[in-house]
């Protein structure tokens, strides 16, 4: 990989993930009356464990891998998809802010202390849709490769583990996961459709 390509990938990552950070930070500071979401039967069936924090935080390693391991054309599409996820989610956070009753946990363990540090910097709202889930899935799409099957299987397992971790850690509810997945699918459809239309117009 040339230094020019590496720099291009870095810019894609900066613009894509940076948009997410700006939107999340801005909407997380809105001090309105957030709607409290009630857990479903699925949420109640998922056991709580602070140890899920490590899988939850692995998200911050998984995301840049999408930009630096996928083909360059996919890295660019990933940037657009992440920006769309951020803008759509941000609009929902402003229009219908959501929160939940968070689970009590043991502060004495290492996992508990790391979870406390996360809670100190995380927003108690912005639950639905889950950006943790939507961004994980658009990165999984970028890493998906029929030629590199072993890497694809590892990426799928990792992505599933991240999505499950938000439920085990009780940072999100199942409805947040579902809407996060729908947001990712919608963003990918829009990006791929736009690419197809642009390519067709260029060929004409």
N, C-alpha and C. Protein backbone atom coordinates (compact mmCIF):
# COMPACT_ATOMS: atom_id res chain seq x y z
N UNK A 1 0.85 -1.19 0.00
CA UNK A 1 0.00 0.00 0.00
C UNK A 1 0.89 1.24 0.00
N UNK A 2 0.68 2.11 -0.97
CA UNK A 2 1.50 3.31 -1.08
C UNK A 2 1.11 4.32 -0.01
N UNK A 3 2.02 5.26 0.22
CA UNK A 3 1.74 6.30 1.21
C UNK A 3 0.55 7.16 0.79
N UNK A 4 0.39 7.34 -0.52
CA UNK A 4 -0.74 8.14 -1.02
C UNK A 4 -2.06 7.45 -0.73
N UNK A 5 -2.09 6.13 -0.97
CA UNK A 5 -3.32 5.38 -0.70
C UNK A 5 -3.60 5.33 0.79
N UNK A 6 -2.57 5.18 1.58
CA UNK A 6 -2.73 5.15 3.04
C UNK A 6 -3.31 6.47 3.53
N UNK A 7 -2.82 7.58 2.96
CA UNK A 7 -3.32 8.90 3.35
C UNK A 7 -4.79 9.05 2.93
N UNK A 8 -5.12 8.55 1.73
CA UNK A 8 -6.50 8.63 1.26
C UNK A 8 -7.44 7.87 2.18
N UNK A 9 -7.01 6.69 2.59
CA UNK A 9 -7.81 5.89 3.51
C UNK A 9 -7.98 6.61 4.85
N UNK A 10 -6.92 7.25 5.30
CA UNK A 10 -6.99 7.99 6.56
C UNK A 10 -8.00 9.13 6.46
N UNK A 11 -8.00 9.82 5.32
CA UNK A 11 -8.96 10.92 5.12
C UNK A 11 -10.39 10.39 5.10
N UNK A 12 -10.60 9.26 4.42
CA UNK A 12 -11.94 8.66 4.40
C UNK A 12 -12.39 8.35 5.83
N UNK A 13 -11.50 7.76 6.60
CA UNK A 13 -11.81 7.41 7.99
C UNK A 13 -12.09 8.65 8.82
N UNK A 14 -11.28 9.66 8.62
CA UNK A 14 -11.45 10.90 9.37
C UNK A 14 -12.79 11.57 9.06
N UNK A 15 -13.13 11.62 7.78
CA UNK A 15 -14.38 12.27 7.38
C UNK A 15 -15.60 11.44 7.78
N UNK A 16 -15.50 10.12 7.63
CA UNK A 16 -16.62 9.26 7.97
C UNK A 16 -16.86 9.19 9.46
N UNK A 17 -15.83 8.80 10.19
CA UNK A 17 -15.95 8.66 11.64
C UNK A 17 -16.05 10.02 12.32
N UNK A 18 -15.40 11.01 11.74
CA UNK A 18 -15.47 12.36 12.32
C UNK A 18 -16.88 12.91 12.28
N UNK A 19 -17.60 12.64 11.19
CA UNK A 19 -19.00 13.08 11.10
C UNK A 19 -19.84 12.44 12.20
N UNK A 20 -19.59 11.17 12.45
CA UNK A 20 -20.30 10.46 13.52
C UNK A 20 -20.02 11.12 14.87
N UNK A 21 -18.75 11.42 15.12
CA UNK A 21 -18.38 12.03 16.39
C UNK A 21 -19.04 13.38 16.61
N UNK A 22 -19.06 14.18 15.56
CA UNK A 22 -19.67 15.52 15.67
C UNK A 22 -21.17 15.42 15.94
N UNK A 23 -21.85 14.56 15.18
CA UNK A 23 -23.29 14.41 15.35
C UNK A 23 -23.62 13.86 16.73
N UNK A 24 -22.89 12.83 17.15
CA UNK A 24 -23.16 12.21 18.44
C UNK A 24 -22.89 13.18 19.59
N UNK A 25 -21.80 13.92 19.48
CA UNK A 25 -21.46 14.86 20.53
C UNK A 25 -22.50 15.98 20.64
N UNK A 26 -22.95 16.49 19.50
CA UNK A 26 -23.93 17.58 19.50
C UNK A 26 -25.27 17.11 20.04
N UNK A 27 -25.75 15.98 19.53
CA UNK A 27 -27.08 15.51 19.95
C UNK A 27 -27.06 15.01 21.39
N UNK A 28 -25.90 14.55 21.86
CA UNK A 28 -25.82 14.07 23.23
C UNK A 28 -25.89 15.17 24.26
N UNK A 29 -25.68 16.42 23.82
CA UNK A 29 -25.71 17.55 24.73
C UNK A 29 -27.08 18.22 24.79
N UNK A 30 -28.00 17.78 23.95
CA UNK A 30 -29.35 18.33 23.97
C UNK A 30 -30.06 17.86 25.24
N UNK A 31 -30.45 18.80 26.04
CA UNK A 31 -31.04 18.47 27.35
C UNK A 31 -32.56 18.57 27.30
N UNK A 32 -33.17 17.71 26.50
CA UNK A 32 -34.62 17.65 26.45
C UNK A 32 -35.14 16.51 27.28
N UNK A 33 -36.43 16.33 27.30
CA UNK A 33 -37.03 15.22 28.03
C UNK A 33 -36.96 13.97 27.16
N UNK A 34 -36.06 13.06 27.49
CA UNK A 34 -35.90 11.84 26.70
C UNK A 34 -36.97 10.83 27.06
N UNK A 35 -37.44 10.10 26.07
CA UNK A 35 -38.44 9.07 26.28
C UNK A 35 -37.76 7.81 26.82
N UNK A 36 -38.28 7.27 27.90
CA UNK A 36 -37.70 6.08 28.51
C UNK A 36 -38.23 4.84 27.80
N UNK A 37 -37.31 4.05 27.23
CA UNK A 37 -37.69 2.83 26.55
C UNK A 37 -37.78 1.68 27.55
N UNK A 38 -38.77 0.84 27.37
CA UNK A 38 -38.94 -0.31 28.27
C UNK A 38 -38.29 -1.55 27.64
N UNK A 39 -37.64 -2.36 28.45
CA UNK A 39 -37.02 -3.58 27.91
C UNK A 39 -38.07 -4.58 27.44
N UNK A 40 -37.73 -5.30 26.38
CA UNK A 40 -38.60 -6.35 25.86
C UNK A 40 -38.29 -7.67 26.56
N UNK A 41 -39.00 -8.70 26.20
CA UNK A 41 -38.72 -10.03 26.76
C UNK A 41 -37.32 -10.49 26.37
N UNK A 42 -36.89 -10.12 25.18
CA UNK A 42 -35.55 -10.48 24.73
C UNK A 42 -34.50 -9.80 25.60
N UNK A 43 -34.72 -8.52 25.89
CA UNK A 43 -33.78 -7.79 26.74
C UNK A 43 -33.71 -8.41 28.13
N UNK A 44 -34.85 -8.77 28.67
CA UNK A 44 -34.89 -9.37 30.01
C UNK A 44 -34.23 -10.74 30.04
N UNK A 45 -34.23 -11.42 28.89
CA UNK A 45 -33.64 -12.75 28.83
C UNK A 45 -32.12 -12.71 28.69
N UNK A 46 -31.59 -11.56 28.26
CA UNK A 46 -30.14 -11.43 28.09
C UNK A 46 -29.50 -11.10 29.44
N UNK A 47 -28.59 -11.93 29.92
CA UNK A 47 -27.96 -11.65 31.22
C UNK A 47 -27.00 -10.48 31.14
N UNK A 48 -26.93 -9.70 32.22
CA UNK A 48 -26.02 -8.55 32.27
C UNK A 48 -24.63 -9.00 32.73
N UNK A 49 -23.61 -8.45 32.09
CA UNK A 49 -22.23 -8.72 32.51
C UNK A 49 -21.34 -7.54 32.14
N UNK A 50 -20.68 -6.91 33.12
CA UNK A 50 -19.75 -5.83 32.82
C UNK A 50 -18.57 -6.27 31.96
N UNK A 51 -18.29 -7.57 31.94
CA UNK A 51 -17.18 -8.08 31.15
C UNK A 51 -17.40 -7.88 29.65
N UNK A 52 -18.64 -7.63 29.25
CA UNK A 52 -18.93 -7.36 27.84
C UNK A 52 -18.34 -6.04 27.38
N UNK A 53 -17.82 -5.25 28.32
CA UNK A 53 -17.23 -3.95 27.98
C UNK A 53 -16.07 -4.11 27.00
N UNK A 54 -15.35 -5.24 27.08
CA UNK A 54 -14.19 -5.43 26.21
C UNK A 54 -14.61 -5.66 24.77
N UNK A 55 -15.67 -6.41 24.57
CA UNK A 55 -16.20 -6.57 23.21
C UNK A 55 -16.81 -5.26 22.72
N UNK A 56 -17.48 -4.58 23.62
CA UNK A 56 -18.09 -3.29 23.29
C UNK A 56 -17.03 -2.30 22.80
N UNK A 57 -15.91 -2.24 23.51
CA UNK A 57 -14.84 -1.31 23.15
C UNK A 57 -14.05 -1.76 21.94
N UNK A 58 -14.10 -3.05 21.60
CA UNK A 58 -13.38 -3.52 20.41
C UNK A 58 -13.95 -2.90 19.14
N UNK A 59 -15.15 -2.34 19.25
CA UNK A 59 -15.76 -1.56 18.17
C UNK A 59 -14.81 -0.49 17.66
N UNK A 60 -14.05 0.12 18.57
CA UNK A 60 -13.17 1.22 18.18
C UNK A 60 -11.91 0.74 17.46
N UNK A 61 -11.69 -0.55 17.43
CA UNK A 61 -10.65 -1.15 16.60
C UNK A 61 -11.25 -1.68 15.30
N UNK A 62 -12.47 -2.19 15.39
CA UNK A 62 -13.15 -2.77 14.23
C UNK A 62 -13.41 -1.70 13.16
N UNK A 63 -13.82 -0.52 13.59
CA UNK A 63 -14.18 0.54 12.63
C UNK A 63 -13.02 0.92 11.72
N UNK A 64 -11.84 1.30 12.24
CA UNK A 64 -10.76 1.67 11.33
C UNK A 64 -10.28 0.53 10.44
N UNK A 65 -10.44 -0.72 10.88
CA UNK A 65 -10.05 -1.84 10.03
C UNK A 65 -10.85 -1.85 8.74
N UNK A 66 -12.10 -1.39 8.81
CA UNK A 66 -12.92 -1.32 7.61
C UNK A 66 -12.32 -0.39 6.57
N UNK A 67 -11.72 0.67 7.03
CA UNK A 67 -11.12 1.64 6.11
C UNK A 67 -9.76 1.19 5.58
N UNK A 68 -9.01 0.47 6.37
CA UNK A 68 -7.63 0.14 5.98
C UNK A 68 -7.45 -1.26 5.42
N UNK A 69 -8.47 -2.13 5.54
CA UNK A 69 -8.35 -3.48 5.01
C UNK A 69 -9.24 -3.74 3.81
N UNK A 70 -10.25 -2.92 3.61
CA UNK A 70 -11.16 -3.12 2.48
C UNK A 70 -10.55 -2.50 1.21
N UNK A 71 -11.05 -2.89 0.03
CA UNK A 71 -10.62 -2.22 -1.20
C UNK A 71 -10.90 -0.73 -1.11
N UNK A 72 -10.09 0.07 -1.79
CA UNK A 72 -10.20 1.52 -1.68
C UNK A 72 -11.58 2.04 -2.07
N UNK A 73 -12.17 1.43 -3.09
CA UNK A 73 -13.51 1.86 -3.51
C UNK A 73 -14.54 1.59 -2.41
N UNK A 74 -14.36 0.49 -1.69
CA UNK A 74 -15.28 0.19 -0.59
C UNK A 74 -15.04 1.13 0.59
N UNK A 75 -13.79 1.54 0.78
CA UNK A 75 -13.49 2.47 1.87
C UNK A 75 -14.19 3.80 1.65
N UNK A 76 -14.25 4.23 0.40
CA UNK A 76 -14.96 5.48 0.10
C UNK A 76 -16.45 5.33 0.33
N UNK A 77 -17.01 4.20 -0.13
CA UNK A 77 -18.44 3.95 0.10
C UNK A 77 -18.73 3.85 1.60
N UNK A 78 -17.80 3.28 2.35
CA UNK A 78 -17.96 3.18 3.79
C UNK A 78 -18.05 4.56 4.43
N UNK A 79 -17.24 5.48 3.94
CA UNK A 79 -17.28 6.85 4.46
C UNK A 79 -18.67 7.45 4.27
N UNK A 80 -19.22 7.32 3.07
CA UNK A 80 -20.54 7.87 2.79
C UNK A 80 -21.62 7.17 3.63
N UNK A 81 -21.50 5.86 3.77
CA UNK A 81 -22.50 5.11 4.55
C UNK A 81 -22.47 5.52 6.01
N UNK A 82 -21.27 5.72 6.56
CA UNK A 82 -21.16 6.15 7.95
C UNK A 82 -21.73 7.54 8.14
N UNK A 83 -21.48 8.41 7.18
CA UNK A 83 -22.03 9.77 7.27
C UNK A 83 -23.54 9.74 7.23
N UNK A 84 -24.10 8.90 6.37
CA UNK A 84 -25.56 8.78 6.29
C UNK A 84 -26.13 8.23 7.59
N UNK A 85 -25.49 7.21 8.14
CA UNK A 85 -25.94 6.64 9.42
C UNK A 85 -25.94 7.72 10.50
N UNK A 86 -24.89 8.53 10.52
CA UNK A 86 -24.78 9.58 11.52
C UNK A 86 -25.88 10.62 11.36
N UNK A 87 -26.12 11.05 10.13
CA UNK A 87 -27.12 12.10 9.89
C UNK A 87 -28.54 11.61 10.17
N UNK A 88 -28.84 10.39 9.74
CA UNK A 88 -30.18 9.83 9.99
C UNK A 88 -30.38 9.63 11.50
N UNK A 89 -29.38 9.04 12.14
CA UNK A 89 -29.49 8.79 13.59
C UNK A 89 -29.58 10.10 14.35
N UNK A 90 -28.78 11.08 13.95
CA UNK A 90 -28.80 12.38 14.61
C UNK A 90 -30.16 13.05 14.52
N UNK A 91 -30.80 12.91 13.35
CA UNK A 91 -32.14 13.49 13.18
C UNK A 91 -33.14 12.82 14.12
N UNK A 92 -33.02 11.50 14.27
CA UNK A 92 -33.91 10.78 15.18
C UNK A 92 -33.64 11.18 16.63
N UNK A 93 -32.36 11.32 16.98
CA UNK A 93 -32.00 11.71 18.35
C UNK A 93 -32.59 13.07 18.72
N UNK A 94 -32.63 13.97 17.75
CA UNK A 94 -33.19 15.30 18.01
C UNK A 94 -34.71 15.27 18.05
N UNK A 95 -35.29 14.49 17.14
CA UNK A 95 -36.75 14.44 17.04
C UNK A 95 -37.37 13.59 18.14
N UNK A 96 -36.71 12.48 18.47
CA UNK A 96 -37.26 11.56 19.46
C UNK A 96 -36.14 11.00 20.32
N UNK A 97 -35.63 11.83 21.25
CA UNK A 97 -34.54 11.36 22.13
C UNK A 97 -35.02 10.23 23.04
N UNK A 98 -34.18 9.24 23.22
CA UNK A 98 -34.57 8.08 24.02
C UNK A 98 -33.50 7.75 25.06
N UNK A 99 -33.94 7.18 26.16
CA UNK A 99 -33.03 6.71 27.20
C UNK A 99 -33.64 5.46 27.82
N UNK A 100 -33.00 4.92 28.85
CA UNK A 100 -33.49 3.71 29.49
C UNK A 100 -33.07 3.71 30.96
N UNK A 101 -33.60 2.79 31.72
CA UNK A 101 -33.16 2.62 33.11
C UNK A 101 -31.96 1.69 33.08
N UNK A 102 -30.80 2.20 33.45
CA UNK A 102 -29.56 1.43 33.31
C UNK A 102 -29.35 0.48 34.48
N UNK A 103 -28.64 -0.58 34.21
CA UNK A 103 -28.41 -1.67 35.16
C UNK A 103 -27.36 -1.29 36.20
N UNK A 104 -27.59 -1.66 37.45
CA UNK A 104 -26.57 -1.50 38.49
C UNK A 104 -25.48 -2.55 38.30
N UNK A 105 -24.26 -2.24 38.72
CA UNK A 105 -23.16 -3.19 38.54
C UNK A 105 -22.11 -2.98 39.62
N UNK A 106 -21.17 -3.91 39.68
CA UNK A 106 -20.10 -3.90 40.67
C UNK A 106 -18.95 -3.02 40.20
N UNK A 107 -18.66 -1.97 40.97
CA UNK A 107 -17.60 -1.04 40.61
C UNK A 107 -16.20 -1.58 40.95
N UNK A 108 -16.12 -2.64 41.71
CA UNK A 108 -14.83 -3.07 42.25
C UNK A 108 -13.97 -3.83 41.24
N UNK A 109 -14.60 -4.40 40.21
CA UNK A 109 -13.83 -5.18 39.24
C UNK A 109 -13.22 -4.26 38.18
N UNK A 110 -12.24 -4.78 37.44
CA UNK A 110 -11.63 -3.99 36.36
C UNK A 110 -12.65 -3.65 35.30
N UNK A 111 -13.47 -4.64 34.93
CA UNK A 111 -14.50 -4.40 33.92
C UNK A 111 -15.48 -3.33 34.40
N UNK A 112 -15.83 -3.38 35.70
CA UNK A 112 -16.74 -2.39 36.26
C UNK A 112 -16.16 -1.00 36.24
N UNK A 113 -14.87 -0.90 36.52
CA UNK A 113 -14.22 0.42 36.52
C UNK A 113 -14.13 0.98 35.11
N UNK A 114 -13.85 0.12 34.13
CA UNK A 114 -13.79 0.57 32.74
C UNK A 114 -15.18 0.98 32.27
N UNK A 115 -16.20 0.24 32.67
CA UNK A 115 -17.57 0.60 32.33
C UNK A 115 -17.93 1.95 32.94
N UNK A 116 -17.49 2.20 34.17
CA UNK A 116 -17.75 3.50 34.81
C UNK A 116 -17.11 4.63 34.02
N UNK A 117 -15.88 4.39 33.54
CA UNK A 117 -15.19 5.41 32.74
C UNK A 117 -15.95 5.68 31.45
N UNK A 118 -16.49 4.62 30.85
CA UNK A 118 -17.29 4.79 29.62
C UNK A 118 -18.54 5.60 29.89
N UNK A 119 -19.22 5.27 30.99
CA UNK A 119 -20.46 5.97 31.33
C UNK A 119 -20.21 7.46 31.57
N UNK A 120 -19.05 7.78 32.14
CA UNK A 120 -18.72 9.17 32.43
C UNK A 120 -18.64 10.03 31.17
N UNK A 121 -18.25 9.41 30.05
CA UNK A 121 -18.08 10.18 28.82
C UNK A 121 -19.19 9.92 27.81
N UNK A 122 -20.00 8.89 28.06
CA UNK A 122 -21.05 8.51 27.12
C UNK A 122 -22.32 9.29 27.43
N UNK A 123 -23.17 9.39 26.42
CA UNK A 123 -24.46 10.06 26.61
C UNK A 123 -25.48 9.07 27.15
N UNK A 124 -26.31 9.50 28.12
CA UNK A 124 -27.34 8.60 28.66
C UNK A 124 -28.53 8.45 27.72
N UNK A 125 -28.53 9.23 26.64
CA UNK A 125 -29.62 9.12 25.66
C UNK A 125 -29.02 8.70 24.31
N UNK A 126 -29.68 9.03 23.21
CA UNK A 126 -29.22 8.61 21.88
C UNK A 126 -29.18 7.08 21.77
N UNK A 127 -30.23 6.46 22.21
CA UNK A 127 -30.27 5.00 22.18
C UNK A 127 -30.75 4.45 20.84
N UNK A 128 -31.80 5.02 20.32
CA UNK A 128 -32.48 4.48 19.14
C UNK A 128 -32.36 5.43 17.96
N UNK A 129 -31.76 4.99 16.84
CA UNK A 129 -31.15 3.69 16.58
C UNK A 129 -29.71 3.62 17.13
N UNK A 130 -29.22 2.42 17.35
CA UNK A 130 -27.88 2.25 17.89
C UNK A 130 -26.82 2.50 16.82
N UNK A 131 -26.03 3.55 17.01
CA UNK A 131 -24.92 3.79 16.09
C UNK A 131 -23.84 2.72 16.23
N UNK A 132 -23.71 2.17 17.41
CA UNK A 132 -22.75 1.09 17.63
C UNK A 132 -23.05 -0.06 16.66
N UNK A 133 -24.32 -0.34 16.49
CA UNK A 133 -24.73 -1.44 15.62
C UNK A 133 -24.65 -1.04 14.15
N UNK A 134 -25.21 0.11 13.80
CA UNK A 134 -25.25 0.52 12.39
C UNK A 134 -23.84 0.68 11.81
N UNK A 135 -22.93 1.27 12.58
CA UNK A 135 -21.57 1.46 12.07
C UNK A 135 -20.83 0.13 11.97
N UNK A 136 -21.06 -0.76 12.92
CA UNK A 136 -20.45 -2.09 12.86
C UNK A 136 -20.88 -2.82 11.59
N UNK A 137 -22.15 -2.71 11.23
CA UNK A 137 -22.67 -3.45 10.08
C UNK A 137 -22.19 -2.85 8.75
N UNK A 138 -22.05 -1.53 8.66
CA UNK A 138 -21.55 -0.96 7.41
C UNK A 138 -20.06 -1.28 7.23
N UNK A 139 -19.34 -1.39 8.34
CA UNK A 139 -17.94 -1.82 8.26
C UNK A 139 -17.86 -3.29 7.85
N UNK A 140 -18.74 -4.11 8.40
CA UNK A 140 -18.78 -5.51 8.00
C UNK A 140 -19.02 -5.64 6.50
N UNK A 141 -19.89 -4.82 5.97
CA UNK A 141 -20.15 -4.83 4.53
C UNK A 141 -18.88 -4.49 3.74
N UNK A 142 -18.11 -3.53 4.25
CA UNK A 142 -16.87 -3.13 3.57
C UNK A 142 -15.82 -4.24 3.61
N UNK A 143 -15.80 -5.00 4.72
CA UNK A 143 -14.81 -6.06 4.88
C UNK A 143 -15.22 -7.36 4.22
N UNK A 144 -16.49 -7.47 3.82
CA UNK A 144 -17.00 -8.71 3.24
C UNK A 144 -16.29 -9.00 1.92
N UNK A 145 -15.77 -10.20 1.79
CA UNK A 145 -15.04 -10.58 0.57
C UNK A 145 -15.19 -12.07 0.33
N UNK A 146 -15.63 -12.43 -0.87
CA UNK A 146 -15.75 -13.84 -1.21
C UNK A 146 -14.38 -14.45 -1.49
N UNK A 147 -13.39 -13.61 -1.76
CA UNK A 147 -12.03 -14.10 -2.00
C UNK A 147 -11.30 -14.38 -0.69
N UNK A 148 -11.57 -13.60 0.32
CA UNK A 148 -10.91 -13.78 1.61
C UNK A 148 -11.95 -14.29 2.62
N UNK A 149 -12.27 -15.58 2.47
CA UNK A 149 -13.35 -16.16 3.26
C UNK A 149 -13.03 -16.22 4.75
N UNK A 150 -11.79 -16.55 5.08
CA UNK A 150 -11.43 -16.65 6.49
C UNK A 150 -11.56 -15.29 7.18
N UNK A 151 -11.08 -14.24 6.53
CA UNK A 151 -11.20 -12.89 7.11
C UNK A 151 -12.67 -12.49 7.22
N UNK A 152 -13.46 -12.87 6.23
CA UNK A 152 -14.88 -12.53 6.25
C UNK A 152 -15.59 -13.21 7.42
N UNK A 153 -15.27 -14.48 7.64
CA UNK A 153 -15.87 -15.21 8.77
C UNK A 153 -15.48 -14.57 10.09
N UNK A 154 -14.21 -14.20 10.24
CA UNK A 154 -13.77 -13.53 11.46
C UNK A 154 -14.48 -12.20 11.65
N UNK A 155 -14.65 -11.45 10.56
CA UNK A 155 -15.34 -10.16 10.63
C UNK A 155 -16.80 -10.34 11.04
N UNK A 156 -17.45 -11.38 10.52
CA UNK A 156 -18.84 -11.65 10.86
C UNK A 156 -18.97 -11.99 12.35
N UNK A 157 -18.09 -12.87 12.83
CA UNK A 157 -18.13 -13.25 14.25
C UNK A 157 -17.88 -12.04 15.14
N UNK A 158 -16.90 -11.23 14.76
CA UNK A 158 -16.56 -10.03 15.53
C UNK A 158 -17.74 -9.06 15.55
N UNK A 159 -18.34 -8.83 14.38
CA UNK A 159 -19.45 -7.89 14.29
C UNK A 159 -20.64 -8.37 15.14
N UNK A 160 -20.93 -9.66 15.08
CA UNK A 160 -22.03 -10.20 15.89
C UNK A 160 -21.73 -10.02 17.37
N UNK A 161 -20.48 -10.27 17.75
CA UNK A 161 -20.09 -10.12 19.16
C UNK A 161 -20.26 -8.68 19.63
N UNK A 162 -19.92 -7.73 18.79
CA UNK A 162 -20.08 -6.32 19.15
C UNK A 162 -21.56 -5.99 19.33
N UNK A 163 -22.38 -6.45 18.40
CA UNK A 163 -23.82 -6.15 18.47
C UNK A 163 -24.45 -6.80 19.70
N UNK A 164 -24.03 -8.01 20.03
CA UNK A 164 -24.55 -8.68 21.23
C UNK A 164 -24.08 -7.97 22.49
N UNK A 165 -22.84 -7.45 22.46
CA UNK A 165 -22.27 -6.82 23.65
C UNK A 165 -23.08 -5.62 24.12
N UNK A 166 -23.71 -4.90 23.20
CA UNK A 166 -24.49 -3.73 23.62
C UNK A 166 -25.71 -4.15 24.43
N UNK A 167 -26.19 -5.39 24.19
CA UNK A 167 -27.32 -5.92 24.96
C UNK A 167 -26.86 -6.48 26.29
N UNK A 168 -25.75 -7.22 26.27
CA UNK A 168 -25.23 -7.81 27.50
C UNK A 168 -24.77 -6.72 28.47
N UNK A 169 -24.22 -5.64 27.93
CA UNK A 169 -23.74 -4.54 28.76
C UNK A 169 -24.88 -3.62 29.20
N UNK A 170 -26.06 -3.84 28.62
CA UNK A 170 -27.25 -3.04 28.93
C UNK A 170 -27.05 -1.56 28.61
N UNK A 171 -26.34 -1.31 27.50
CA UNK A 171 -26.20 0.07 27.02
C UNK A 171 -27.26 0.37 25.96
N UNK A 172 -27.86 -0.68 25.43
CA UNK A 172 -28.92 -0.55 24.44
C UNK A 172 -29.95 -1.64 24.66
N UNK A 173 -31.12 -1.43 24.07
CA UNK A 173 -32.17 -2.44 24.08
C UNK A 173 -32.27 -3.07 22.69
N UNK A 174 -33.01 -4.17 22.62
CA UNK A 174 -33.12 -4.91 21.36
C UNK A 174 -33.69 -4.04 20.25
N UNK A 175 -34.64 -3.16 20.57
CA UNK A 175 -35.22 -2.28 19.56
C UNK A 175 -34.17 -1.34 18.98
N UNK A 176 -33.19 -0.96 19.79
CA UNK A 176 -32.10 -0.11 19.30
C UNK A 176 -31.23 -0.86 18.31
N UNK A 177 -31.01 -2.15 18.59
CA UNK A 177 -30.22 -2.99 17.70
C UNK A 177 -30.93 -3.15 16.36
N UNK A 178 -32.23 -3.42 16.41
CA UNK A 178 -33.01 -3.62 15.19
C UNK A 178 -33.02 -2.35 14.34
N UNK A 179 -33.30 -1.21 14.98
CA UNK A 179 -33.34 0.04 14.22
C UNK A 179 -31.94 0.45 13.74
N UNK A 180 -30.91 0.10 14.50
CA UNK A 180 -29.55 0.35 14.04
C UNK A 180 -29.23 -0.46 12.80
N UNK A 181 -29.67 -1.72 12.77
CA UNK A 181 -29.46 -2.57 11.60
C UNK A 181 -30.23 -2.04 10.39
N UNK A 182 -31.44 -1.57 10.62
CA UNK A 182 -32.24 -1.00 9.53
C UNK A 182 -31.59 0.27 8.99
N UNK A 183 -31.03 1.07 9.88
CA UNK A 183 -30.33 2.29 9.46
C UNK A 183 -29.14 1.95 8.57
N UNK A 184 -28.38 0.93 8.97
CA UNK A 184 -27.23 0.50 8.18
C UNK A 184 -27.67 0.01 6.80
N UNK A 185 -28.71 -0.80 6.76
CA UNK A 185 -29.21 -1.32 5.48
C UNK A 185 -29.67 -0.18 4.58
N UNK A 186 -30.39 0.77 5.15
CA UNK A 186 -30.87 1.91 4.37
C UNK A 186 -29.72 2.74 3.81
N UNK A 187 -28.72 2.98 4.64
CA UNK A 187 -27.56 3.76 4.20
C UNK A 187 -26.81 3.05 3.08
N UNK A 188 -26.64 1.75 3.21
CA UNK A 188 -25.93 0.98 2.18
C UNK A 188 -26.70 0.96 0.87
N UNK A 189 -28.01 0.83 0.95
CA UNK A 189 -28.84 0.84 -0.26
C UNK A 189 -28.72 2.18 -0.97
N UNK A 190 -28.78 3.26 -0.22
CA UNK A 190 -28.68 4.59 -0.81
C UNK A 190 -27.32 4.80 -1.47
N UNK A 191 -26.25 4.41 -0.78
CA UNK A 191 -24.90 4.59 -1.32
C UNK A 191 -24.70 3.76 -2.58
N UNK A 192 -25.12 2.51 -2.55
CA UNK A 192 -24.94 1.65 -3.72
C UNK A 192 -25.82 2.10 -4.89
N UNK A 193 -27.02 2.58 -4.60
CA UNK A 193 -27.89 3.09 -5.65
C UNK A 193 -27.29 4.33 -6.29
N UNK A 194 -26.76 5.23 -5.46
CA UNK A 194 -26.14 6.45 -5.97
C UNK A 194 -24.93 6.11 -6.85
N UNK A 195 -24.14 5.12 -6.44
CA UNK A 195 -22.99 4.69 -7.24
C UNK A 195 -23.43 4.13 -8.58
N UNK A 196 -24.48 3.33 -8.56
CA UNK A 196 -25.00 2.72 -9.79
C UNK A 196 -25.50 3.79 -10.75
N UNK A 197 -26.27 4.75 -10.25
CA UNK A 197 -26.82 5.81 -11.08
C UNK A 197 -25.70 6.68 -11.65
N UNK A 198 -24.71 7.00 -10.83
CA UNK A 198 -23.59 7.83 -11.26
C UNK A 198 -22.79 7.11 -12.35
N UNK A 199 -22.57 5.80 -12.15
CA UNK A 199 -21.81 5.04 -13.12
C UNK A 199 -22.56 4.94 -14.44
N UNK A 200 -23.88 4.74 -14.37
CA UNK A 200 -24.68 4.65 -15.58
C UNK A 200 -24.70 5.97 -16.34
N UNK A 201 -24.83 7.08 -15.62
CA UNK A 201 -24.82 8.39 -16.26
C UNK A 201 -23.46 8.70 -16.88
N UNK A 202 -22.40 8.25 -16.22
CA UNK A 202 -21.05 8.47 -16.75
C UNK A 202 -20.84 7.70 -18.05
N UNK A 203 -21.34 6.47 -18.07
CA UNK A 203 -21.18 5.64 -19.28
C UNK A 203 -21.99 6.17 -20.45
N UNK A 204 -23.10 6.82 -20.12
CA UNK A 204 -23.93 7.40 -21.19
C UNK A 204 -23.27 8.65 -21.77
